[in-house]
Amino acid sequence: MTRALTASVALAALLLLVALDLTGAPLNPYRAPPVFAFGSGVAAAGGFCAALPN
């Protein structure tokens, strides 16, 4: 593949990703997790393979 073809495919994929993100559900800043949660007391959600059982 040539560089022009590879670049155009990558750019099209990036634009598709941005378009899908913009057409999704609107953001709700009140339900969003903190950007930096170091020591905030917010418990981790979801699975984490290295977490020890309680």
C-alpha atoms as a PDB file:
ATOM      1  CA  MET A   1       0.000   0.000   0.000  1.00  0.00           C
ATOM      2  CA  THR A   2       1.172   3.473  -0.686  1.00  0.00           C
ATOM      3  CA  ARG A   3       1.543   6.198   1.893  1.00  0.00           C
ATOM      4  CA  ALA A   4      -1.323   8.201   0.426  1.00  0.00           C
ATOM      5  CA  LEU A   5      -3.700   5.240   0.633  1.00  0.00           C
ATOM      6  CA  THR A   6      -2.625   4.401   4.179  1.00  0.00           C
ATOM      7  CA  ALA A   7      -2.949   8.008   5.309  1.00  0.00           C
ATOM      8  CA  SER A   8      -6.379   8.392   3.723  1.00  0.00           C
ATOM      9  CA  VAL A   9      -7.653   5.171   5.330  1.00  0.00           C
ATOM     10  CA  ALA A  10      -6.326   6.276   8.727  1.00  0.00           C
ATOM     11  CA  LEU A  11      -7.866   9.725   8.349  1.00  0.00           C
ATOM     12  CA  ALA A  12     -11.211   8.245   7.298  1.00  0.00           C
ATOM     13  CA  ALA A  13     -11.181   5.924  10.305  1.00  0.00           C
ATOM     14  CA  LEU A  14     -10.390   8.840  12.603  1.00  0.00           C
ATOM     15  CA  LEU A  15     -13.192  10.947  11.139  1.00  0.00           C
ATOM     16  CA  LEU A  16     -15.609   8.019  11.491  1.00  0.00           C
ATOM     17  CA  LEU A  17     -14.624   7.634  15.137  1.00  0.00           C
ATOM     18  CA  VAL A  18     -15.169  11.352  15.795  1.00  0.00           C
ATOM     19  CA  ALA A  19     -18.541  11.260  13.996  1.00  0.00           C
ATOM     20  CA  LEU A  20     -19.684   8.261  16.046  1.00  0.00           C
ATOM     21  CA  ASP A  21     -18.585  10.001  19.230  1.00  0.00           C
ATOM     22  CA  LEU A  22     -20.469  13.190  18.367  1.00  0.00           C
ATOM     23  CA  THR A  23     -23.695  11.352  17.538  1.00  0.00           C
ATOM     24  CA  GLY A  24     -23.682   9.398  20.812  1.00  0.00           C
ATOM     25  CA  ALA A  25     -25.384  10.293  24.047  1.00  0.00           C
ATOM     26  CA  PRO A  26     -24.627  13.770  25.399  1.00  0.00           C
ATOM     27  CA  LEU A  27     -22.112  14.026  28.216  1.00  0.00           C
ATOM     28  CA  ASN A  28     -23.376  14.336  31.767  1.00  0.00           C
ATOM     29  CA  PRO A  29     -20.685  16.075  33.846  1.00  0.00           C
ATOM     30  CA  TYR A  30     -22.462  15.172  37.091  1.00  0.00           C
ATOM     31  CA  ARG A  31     -22.073  11.418  36.493  1.00  0.00           C
ATOM     32  CA  ALA A  32     -18.549  11.555  35.094  1.00  0.00           C
ATOM     33  CA  PRO A  33     -15.711  10.252  37.244  1.00  0.00           C
ATOM     34  CA  PRO A  34     -13.037  12.725  38.324  1.00  0.00           C
ATOM     35  CA  VAL A  35     -10.205  13.146  35.850  1.00  0.00           C
ATOM     36  CA  PHE A  36      -7.549  12.616  38.515  1.00  0.00           C
ATOM     37  CA  ALA A  37      -8.893  10.510  41.387  1.00  0.00           C
ATOM     38  CA  PHE A  38      -5.701  10.072  43.386  1.00  0.00           C
ATOM     39  CA  GLY A  39      -6.798   9.817  46.995  1.00  0.00           C
ATOM     40  CA  SER A  40     -10.284  11.121  46.275  1.00  0.00           C
ATOM     41  CA  GLY A  41     -12.016   8.240  48.043  1.00  0.00           C
ATOM     42  CA  VAL A  42     -13.913   7.273  44.908  1.00  0.00           C
ATOM     43  CA  ALA A  43     -14.030   3.498  44.694  1.00  0.00           C
ATOM     44  CA  ALA A  44     -12.907   1.834  41.506  1.00  0.00           C
ATOM     45  CA  ALA A  45     -15.723   0.441  39.377  1.00  0.00           C
ATOM     46  CA  GLY A  46     -15.616  -2.441  36.962  1.00  0.00           C
ATOM     47  CA  GLY A  47     -13.397  -5.472  36.831  1.00  0.00           C
ATOM     48  CA  PHE A  48      -9.704  -5.525  37.563  1.00  0.00           C
ATOM     49  CA  CYS A  49      -7.938  -8.835  37.189  1.00  0.00           C
ATOM     50  CA  ALA A  50      -5.221  -8.132  39.756  1.00  0.00           C
ATOM     51  CA  ALA A  51      -7.630  -7.076  42.511  1.00  0.00           C
ATOM     52  CA  LEU A  52      -7.564  -9.338  45.554  1.00  0.00           C
ATOM     53  CA  PRO A  53     -10.874 -10.741  46.810  1.00  0.00           C
ATOM     54  CA  ASN A  54     -12.329  -9.193  49.942  1.00  0.00           C
END
